Amino acid sequence: MRANFTQLYLHYVWATWDRLPLITPDIQKLVYAAIIKECEQLKCTVIAVGGIEDHVHLLTGFPVTISVSDLIKQIKGSSSHFINNEVTPGGLFKWQGSYAAFTVSHDAIDNVAHYIRNQAVHHQQKSIISAWELTLSVNIKGD
């Protein structure tokens, strides 16, 4: 084999500061667009992004050129900077410092992407919310 080959997929979850409902309907698409833009700049393939007003889920094909912590730091930093400086100048949009990241098998990509894209429905109906997400919610809120 002459070239490196990797096939890595990660599902990330992170919350707004103090789990405040900062991702309002009027800025949600802009927040997601900022996340996608930064991922593309970091050579990270976005498969799905979704969430509700107090947290975000992201599924990506993960590059080996950056660490998970650096990727999340860049995504969170650039998206909050964009929202506070371009969308709502002088705003107080802020992410919590913590995050969760999970590996995803190639066979599970479609199911995880569907779960992410349908976050609003899952949370509204309190259906298909994984035990780890409920645990994560408590842990992130406690930060």
N, C-alpha and C. Protein backbone atom coordinates (compact mmCIF):
# COMPACT_ATOMS: atom_id res chain seq x y z
N MET A 1 0.86 -1.17 0.00
CA MET A 1 0.00 0.00 0.00
C MET A 1 0.90 1.24 0.00
N ARG A 2 0.69 2.11 -0.96
CA ARG A 2 1.53 3.29 -1.09
C ARG A 2 0.98 4.51 -0.34
N ALA A 3 -0.29 4.52 -0.06
CA ALA A 3 -0.89 5.67 0.62
C ALA A 3 -1.60 5.22 1.89
N ASN A 4 -1.65 6.12 2.85
CA ASN A 4 -2.38 5.82 4.08
C ASN A 4 -3.87 5.76 3.79
N PHE A 5 -4.55 4.91 4.51
CA PHE A 5 -6.00 4.81 4.39
C PHE A 5 -6.60 4.76 5.78
N THR A 6 -7.54 5.65 6.04
CA THR A 6 -8.28 5.62 7.30
C THR A 6 -9.75 5.78 7.00
N GLN A 7 -10.55 5.20 7.86
CA GLN A 7 -12.00 5.30 7.75
C GLN A 7 -12.53 5.43 9.17
N LEU A 8 -12.50 6.67 9.67
CA LEU A 8 -12.84 6.94 11.05
C LEU A 8 -14.05 7.85 11.12
N TYR A 9 -15.00 7.50 11.96
CA TYR A 9 -16.22 8.28 12.11
C TYR A 9 -16.43 8.57 13.59
N LEU A 10 -16.76 9.82 13.89
CA LEU A 10 -17.00 10.21 15.28
C LEU A 10 -18.31 10.97 15.41
N HIS A 11 -18.97 10.72 16.53
CA HIS A 11 -20.20 11.41 16.91
C HIS A 11 -19.85 12.25 18.13
N TYR A 12 -20.01 13.56 17.99
CA TYR A 12 -19.69 14.49 19.07
C TYR A 12 -20.98 15.09 19.60
N VAL A 13 -20.95 15.44 20.88
CA VAL A 13 -22.08 16.14 21.51
C VAL A 13 -21.49 17.18 22.44
N TRP A 14 -22.02 18.40 22.37
CA TRP A 14 -21.63 19.42 23.33
C TRP A 14 -22.79 20.36 23.57
N ALA A 15 -22.71 21.09 24.68
CA ALA A 15 -23.84 21.90 25.13
C ALA A 15 -23.50 23.38 25.16
N THR A 16 -24.56 24.17 25.21
CA THR A 16 -24.40 25.60 25.41
C THR A 16 -24.03 25.85 26.87
N TRP A 17 -23.56 27.04 27.14
CA TRP A 17 -23.17 27.41 28.50
C TRP A 17 -24.35 27.25 29.45
N ASP A 18 -24.13 26.51 30.52
CA ASP A 18 -25.16 26.24 31.53
C ASP A 18 -26.44 25.64 30.96
N ARG A 19 -26.33 25.01 29.80
CA ARG A 19 -27.47 24.41 29.10
C ARG A 19 -28.59 25.43 28.85
N LEU A 20 -28.18 26.69 28.66
CA LEU A 20 -29.16 27.73 28.34
C LEU A 20 -29.67 27.51 26.92
N PRO A 21 -30.92 27.85 26.64
CA PRO A 21 -31.49 27.65 25.29
C PRO A 21 -31.02 28.74 24.32
N LEU A 22 -29.72 28.74 24.02
CA LEU A 22 -29.12 29.79 23.20
C LEU A 22 -29.24 29.56 21.69
N ILE A 23 -29.49 28.32 21.29
CA ILE A 23 -29.61 28.02 19.86
C ILE A 23 -31.08 28.19 19.48
N THR A 24 -31.45 29.43 19.32
CA THR A 24 -32.84 29.76 19.01
C THR A 24 -33.13 29.46 17.54
N PRO A 25 -34.41 29.29 17.19
CA PRO A 25 -34.75 28.97 15.80
C PRO A 25 -34.20 29.98 14.78
N ASP A 26 -34.09 31.25 15.18
CA ASP A 26 -33.61 32.26 14.24
C ASP A 26 -32.11 32.17 13.95
N ILE A 27 -31.34 31.51 14.82
CA ILE A 27 -29.90 31.38 14.55
C ILE A 27 -29.45 29.93 14.35
N GLN A 28 -30.34 28.97 14.53
CA GLN A 28 -29.95 27.56 14.46
C GLN A 28 -29.21 27.21 13.17
N LYS A 29 -29.77 27.59 12.03
CA LYS A 29 -29.13 27.27 10.74
C LYS A 29 -27.77 27.94 10.62
N LEU A 30 -27.63 29.14 11.17
CA LEU A 30 -26.36 29.85 11.12
C LEU A 30 -25.31 29.17 12.01
N VAL A 31 -25.74 28.69 13.16
CA VAL A 31 -24.83 27.95 14.05
C VAL A 31 -24.34 26.69 13.34
N TYR A 32 -25.26 25.94 12.76
CA TYR A 32 -24.88 24.71 12.06
C TYR A 32 -23.99 25.01 10.86
N ALA A 33 -24.29 26.09 10.14
CA ALA A 33 -23.46 26.46 8.98
C ALA A 33 -22.04 26.81 9.42
N ALA A 34 -21.91 27.50 10.55
CA ALA A 34 -20.58 27.84 11.07
C ALA A 34 -19.82 26.58 11.47
N ILE A 35 -20.51 25.64 12.06
CA ILE A 35 -19.88 24.36 12.44
C ILE A 35 -19.42 23.62 11.20
N ILE A 36 -20.27 23.54 10.19
CA ILE A 36 -19.93 22.84 8.95
C ILE A 36 -18.75 23.52 8.26
N LYS A 37 -18.77 24.84 8.21
CA LYS A 37 -17.67 25.58 7.56
C LYS A 37 -16.34 25.29 8.22
N GLU A 38 -16.31 25.31 9.55
CA GLU A 38 -15.05 25.04 10.25
C GLU A 38 -14.61 23.60 10.04
N CYS A 39 -15.53 22.66 10.04
CA CYS A 39 -15.20 21.27 9.77
C CYS A 39 -14.55 21.13 8.39
N GLU A 40 -15.13 21.78 7.40
CA GLU A 40 -14.57 21.71 6.05
C GLU A 40 -13.17 22.29 6.00
N GLN A 41 -12.93 23.39 6.72
CA GLN A 41 -11.59 23.98 6.75
C GLN A 41 -10.58 23.05 7.41
N LEU A 42 -11.06 22.21 8.32
CA LEU A 42 -10.19 21.27 9.03
C LEU A 42 -10.12 19.91 8.32
N LYS A 43 -10.67 19.83 7.11
CA LYS A 43 -10.67 18.60 6.30
C LYS A 43 -11.44 17.47 6.97
N CYS A 44 -12.52 17.85 7.62
CA CYS A 44 -13.38 16.92 8.33
C CYS A 44 -14.71 16.85 7.58
N THR A 45 -15.13 15.67 7.18
CA THR A 45 -16.35 15.51 6.39
C THR A 45 -17.58 15.44 7.29
N VAL A 46 -18.46 16.42 7.15
CA VAL A 46 -19.69 16.43 7.96
C VAL A 46 -20.71 15.49 7.33
N ILE A 47 -21.20 14.58 8.14
CA ILE A 47 -22.24 13.65 7.70
C ILE A 47 -23.60 14.12 8.20
N ALA A 48 -23.66 14.59 9.44
CA ALA A 48 -24.93 15.09 10.00
C ALA A 48 -24.64 16.07 11.13
N VAL A 49 -25.51 17.04 11.26
CA VAL A 49 -25.47 17.97 12.38
C VAL A 49 -26.91 18.23 12.80
N GLY A 50 -27.14 18.31 14.09
CA GLY A 50 -28.48 18.54 14.61
C GLY A 50 -28.44 18.80 16.09
N GLY A 51 -29.57 19.07 16.64
CA GLY A 51 -29.62 19.32 18.08
C GLY A 51 -30.90 20.03 18.45
N ILE A 52 -30.86 20.59 19.64
CA ILE A 52 -31.97 21.41 20.11
C ILE A 52 -31.37 22.68 20.69
N GLU A 53 -32.18 23.45 21.37
CA GLU A 53 -31.73 24.78 21.80
C GLU A 53 -30.56 24.79 22.78
N ASP A 54 -30.26 23.67 23.42
CA ASP A 54 -29.18 23.70 24.41
C ASP A 54 -28.02 22.73 24.13
N HIS A 55 -28.05 22.03 23.01
CA HIS A 55 -26.91 21.19 22.67
C HIS A 55 -26.89 20.81 21.20
N VAL A 56 -25.73 20.36 20.75
CA VAL A 56 -25.51 20.01 19.35
C VAL A 56 -24.93 18.61 19.26
N HIS A 57 -25.34 17.89 18.21
CA HIS A 57 -24.75 16.61 17.84
C HIS A 57 -24.10 16.80 16.48
N LEU A 58 -22.96 16.17 16.28
CA LEU A 58 -22.25 16.26 15.01
C LEU A 58 -21.66 14.90 14.69
N LEU A 59 -21.86 14.43 13.47
CA LEU A 59 -21.27 13.17 12.99
C LEU A 59 -20.36 13.51 11.84
N THR A 60 -19.10 13.08 11.94
CA THR A 60 -18.14 13.39 10.88
C THR A 60 -17.29 12.18 10.51
N GLY A 61 -16.77 12.26 9.30
CA GLY A 61 -15.64 11.44 8.93
C GLY A 61 -14.45 12.19 9.50
N PHE A 62 -13.62 11.52 10.26
CA PHE A 62 -12.59 12.19 11.04
C PHE A 62 -11.22 12.10 10.37
N PRO A 63 -10.55 13.24 10.17
CA PRO A 63 -9.21 13.22 9.58
C PRO A 63 -8.16 12.85 10.62
N VAL A 64 -7.06 12.30 10.20
CA VAL A 64 -6.00 11.94 11.14
C VAL A 64 -5.01 13.09 11.35
N THR A 65 -5.29 14.22 10.76
CA THR A 65 -4.38 15.36 10.83
C THR A 65 -4.60 16.26 12.04
N ILE A 66 -5.60 15.95 12.86
CA ILE A 66 -5.92 16.79 14.01
C ILE A 66 -6.46 15.89 15.13
N SER A 67 -6.25 16.32 16.36
CA SER A 67 -6.78 15.54 17.48
C SER A 67 -8.25 15.88 17.70
N VAL A 68 -8.94 15.00 18.40
CA VAL A 68 -10.36 15.23 18.70
C VAL A 68 -10.51 16.52 19.49
N SER A 69 -9.69 16.71 20.50
CA SER A 69 -9.82 17.91 21.34
C SER A 69 -9.55 19.18 20.56
N ASP A 70 -8.56 19.16 19.66
CA ASP A 70 -8.28 20.35 18.85
C ASP A 70 -9.41 20.63 17.86
N LEU A 71 -9.97 19.58 17.29
CA LEU A 71 -11.09 19.74 16.37
C LEU A 71 -12.27 20.40 17.07
N ILE A 72 -12.65 19.89 18.21
CA ILE A 72 -13.78 20.44 18.96
C ILE A 72 -13.49 21.88 19.39
N LYS A 73 -12.28 22.12 19.86
CA LYS A 73 -11.89 23.47 20.28
C LYS A 73 -12.06 24.45 19.12
N GLN A 74 -11.61 24.08 17.95
CA GLN A 74 -11.72 24.94 16.77
C GLN A 74 -13.18 25.16 16.37
N ILE A 75 -13.96 24.09 16.35
CA ILE A 75 -15.36 24.20 15.95
C ILE A 75 -16.13 25.08 16.92
N LYS A 76 -15.97 24.82 18.21
CA LYS A 76 -16.70 25.59 19.20
C LYS A 76 -16.25 27.05 19.21
N GLY A 77 -14.95 27.26 19.13
CA GLY A 77 -14.43 28.62 19.15
C GLY A 77 -14.86 29.44 17.95
N SER A 78 -14.73 28.87 16.77
CA SER A 78 -15.08 29.63 15.56
C SER A 78 -16.58 29.87 15.46
N SER A 79 -17.40 28.89 15.86
CA SER A 79 -18.85 29.08 15.77
C SER A 79 -19.34 30.12 16.78
N SER A 80 -18.84 30.09 18.00
CA SER A 80 -19.28 31.10 18.98
C SER A 80 -18.77 32.49 18.59
N HIS A 81 -17.55 32.56 18.06
CA HIS A 81 -17.02 33.85 17.59
C HIS A 81 -17.89 34.40 16.46
N PHE A 82 -18.26 33.55 15.51
CA PHE A 82 -19.11 33.97 14.41
C PHE A 82 -20.46 34.48 14.91
N ILE A 83 -21.09 33.74 15.80
CA ILE A 83 -22.41 34.15 16.30
C ILE A 83 -22.31 35.47 17.05
N ASN A 84 -21.30 35.60 17.92
CA ASN A 84 -21.17 36.81 18.73
C ASN A 84 -20.70 38.04 17.96
N ASN A 85 -20.02 37.83 16.83
CA ASN A 85 -19.48 38.97 16.10
C ASN A 85 -20.21 39.29 14.80
N GLU A 86 -20.85 38.29 14.20
CA GLU A 86 -21.49 38.50 12.91
C GLU A 86 -23.02 38.44 13.00
N VAL A 87 -23.53 37.53 13.79
CA VAL A 87 -24.98 37.31 13.83
C VAL A 87 -25.65 38.19 14.88
N THR A 88 -25.15 38.14 16.09
CA THR A 88 -25.69 38.96 17.18
C THR A 88 -24.53 39.71 17.83
N PRO A 89 -24.02 40.76 17.18
CA PRO A 89 -22.86 41.50 17.71
C PRO A 89 -23.06 41.89 19.17
N GLY A 90 -22.03 41.62 19.94
CA GLY A 90 -22.10 41.91 21.37
C GLY A 90 -22.90 40.88 22.15
N GLY A 91 -23.28 39.80 21.47
CA GLY A 91 -24.09 38.76 22.11
C GLY A 91 -23.29 37.96 23.12
N LEU A 92 -23.98 37.11 23.81
CA LEU A 92 -23.36 36.29 24.85
C LEU A 92 -23.46 34.81 24.55
N PHE A 93 -23.37 34.44 23.28
CA PHE A 93 -23.43 33.03 22.91
C PHE A 93 -22.14 32.36 23.36
N LYS A 94 -22.28 31.23 24.05
CA LYS A 94 -21.10 30.55 24.58
C LYS A 94 -21.38 29.06 24.72
N TRP A 95 -20.36 28.25 24.42
CA TRP A 95 -20.45 26.80 24.62
C TRP A 95 -19.83 26.44 25.96
N GLN A 96 -20.27 25.32 26.53
CA GLN A 96 -19.58 24.79 27.71
C GLN A 96 -18.24 24.24 27.28
N GLY A 97 -17.33 24.11 28.21
CA GLY A 97 -16.00 23.62 27.89
C GLY A 97 -15.94 22.14 27.60
N SER A 98 -16.88 21.38 28.09
CA SER A 98 -16.83 19.92 27.93
C SER A 98 -17.52 19.46 26.65
N TYR A 99 -17.26 18.21 26.31
CA TYR A 99 -17.89 17.59 25.14
C TYR A 99 -17.82 16.08 25.33
N ALA A 100 -18.52 15.37 24.47
CA ALA A 100 -18.42 13.91 24.42
C ALA A 100 -18.12 13.54 22.98
N ALA A 101 -17.38 12.47 22.79
CA ALA A 101 -17.08 11.98 21.44
C ALA A 101 -17.15 10.45 21.47
N PHE A 102 -17.79 9.90 20.44
CA PHE A 102 -18.00 8.46 20.36
C PHE A 102 -17.59 7.98 18.97
N THR A 103 -16.92 6.86 18.91
CA THR A 103 -16.62 6.27 17.62
C THR A 103 -17.89 5.63 17.06
N VAL A 104 -17.98 5.62 15.74
CA VAL A 104 -19.15 5.06 15.07
C VAL A 104 -18.65 4.11 13.99
N SER A 105 -19.19 2.91 13.95
CA SER A 105 -18.80 1.96 12.90
C SER A 105 -19.43 2.39 11.58
N HIS A 106 -18.80 1.99 10.51
CA HIS A 106 -19.30 2.33 9.18
C HIS A 106 -20.74 1.86 9.00
N ASP A 107 -21.06 0.70 9.52
CA ASP A 107 -22.42 0.14 9.40
C ASP A 107 -23.48 0.94 10.17
N ALA A 108 -23.06 1.72 11.15
CA ALA A 108 -24.01 2.46 11.98
C ALA A 108 -24.21 3.91 11.54
N ILE A 109 -23.48 4.34 10.52
CA ILE A 109 -23.53 5.75 10.12
C ILE A 109 -24.95 6.22 9.81
N ASP A 110 -25.69 5.49 9.03
CA ASP A 110 -27.04 5.92 8.66
C ASP A 110 -27.95 6.05 9.88
N ASN A 111 -27.88 5.11 10.79
CA ASN A 111 -28.72 5.17 12.00
C ASN A 111 -28.34 6.35 12.89
N VAL A 112 -27.05 6.58 13.07
CA VAL A 112 -26.61 7.69 13.91
C VAL A 112 -26.97 9.02 13.24
N ALA A 113 -26.76 9.12 11.93
CA ALA A 113 -27.12 10.35 11.21
C ALA A 113 -28.61 10.64 11.34
N HIS A 114 -29.44 9.61 11.22
CA HIS A 114 -30.89 9.77 11.37
C HIS A 114 -31.22 10.26 12.79
N TYR A 115 -30.59 9.68 13.77
CA TYR A 115 -30.79 10.08 15.17
C TYR A 115 -30.42 11.56 15.35
N ILE A 116 -29.31 11.98 14.77
CA ILE A 116 -28.85 13.37 14.91
C ILE A 116 -29.79 14.33 14.20
N ARG A 117 -30.18 14.01 13.00
CA ARG A 117 -31.05 14.91 12.22
C ARG A 117 -32.44 15.06 12.84
N ASN A 118 -32.83 14.13 13.68
CA ASN A 118 -34.16 14.14 14.28
C ASN A 118 -34.14 14.44 15.78
N GLN A 119 -33.15 15.19 16.21
CA GLN A 119 -33.03 15.52 17.63
C GLN A 119 -34.26 16.22 18.18
N ALA A 120 -34.78 17.18 17.46
CA ALA A 120 -35.94 17.93 17.97
C ALA A 120 -37.11 17.01 18.24
N VAL A 121 -37.36 16.09 17.34
CA VAL A 121 -38.47 15.15 17.51
C VAL A 121 -38.20 14.22 18.69
N HIS A 122 -36.98 13.69 18.77
CA HIS A 122 -36.64 12.77 19.87
C HIS A 122 -36.83 13.44 21.23
N HIS A 123 -36.37 14.68 21.34
CA HIS A 123 -36.47 15.37 22.63
C HIS A 123 -37.90 15.81 22.93
N GLN A 124 -38.61 16.19 21.90
CA GLN A 124 -40.01 16.59 22.09
C GLN A 124 -40.85 15.41 22.57
N GLN A 125 -40.63 14.26 21.95
CA GLN A 125 -41.39 13.06 22.28
C GLN A 125 -40.74 12.24 23.38
N LYS A 126 -39.53 12.62 23.77
CA LYS A 126 -38.74 11.87 24.74
C LYS A 126 -38.59 10.41 24.30
N SER A 127 -38.37 10.24 23.00
CA SER A 127 -38.21 8.91 22.42
C SER A 127 -36.79 8.72 21.91
N ILE A 128 -36.34 7.53 21.89
CA ILE A 128 -35.04 7.14 21.35
C ILE A 128 -33.90 8.00 21.88
N ILE A 129 -34.01 8.50 23.09
CA ILE A 129 -32.89 9.23 23.67
C ILE A 129 -32.06 8.21 24.42
N SER A 130 -30.83 8.04 23.95
CA SER A 130 -29.95 7.02 24.51
C SER A 130 -29.67 7.27 25.98
N ALA A 131 -29.42 6.19 26.69
CA ALA A 131 -29.06 6.29 28.10
C ALA A 131 -27.81 7.14 28.26
N TRP A 132 -26.84 6.97 27.32
CA TRP A 132 -25.61 7.77 27.44
C TRP A 132 -25.88 9.24 27.25
N GLU A 133 -26.88 9.61 26.43
CA GLU A 133 -27.19 11.02 26.24
C GLU A 133 -27.84 11.59 27.51
N LEU A 134 -28.66 10.81 28.15
CA LEU A 134 -29.26 11.26 29.41
C LEU A 134 -28.17 11.44 30.48
N THR A 135 -27.24 10.50 30.53
CA THR A 135 -26.10 10.61 31.46
C THR A 135 -25.26 11.81 31.09
N LEU A 136 -24.99 11.99 29.80
CA LEU A 136 -24.19 13.10 29.33
C LEU A 136 -24.85 14.41 29.72
N SER A 137 -26.15 14.49 29.59
CA SER A 137 -26.88 15.71 29.92
C SER A 137 -26.62 16.10 31.37
N VAL A 138 -26.65 15.14 32.26
CA VAL A 138 -26.40 15.40 33.67
C VAL A 138 -24.94 15.82 33.85
N ASN A 139 -24.02 15.10 33.23
CA ASN A 139 -22.60 15.41 33.39
C ASN A 139 -22.24 16.76 32.80
N ILE A 140 -22.74 17.08 31.63
CA ILE A 140 -22.43 18.36 31.01
C ILE A 140 -23.05 19.48 31.82
N LYS A 141 -24.27 19.28 32.28
CA LYS A 141 -24.94 20.33 33.06
C LYS A 141 -24.18 20.61 34.34
N GLY A 142 -23.55 19.59 34.88
CA GLY A 142 -22.82 19.76 36.13
C GLY A 142 -21.50 20.48 35.97
N ASP A 143 -21.03 20.69 34.77
CA ASP A 143 -19.75 21.37 34.54
C ASP A 143 -19.79 22.82 34.95
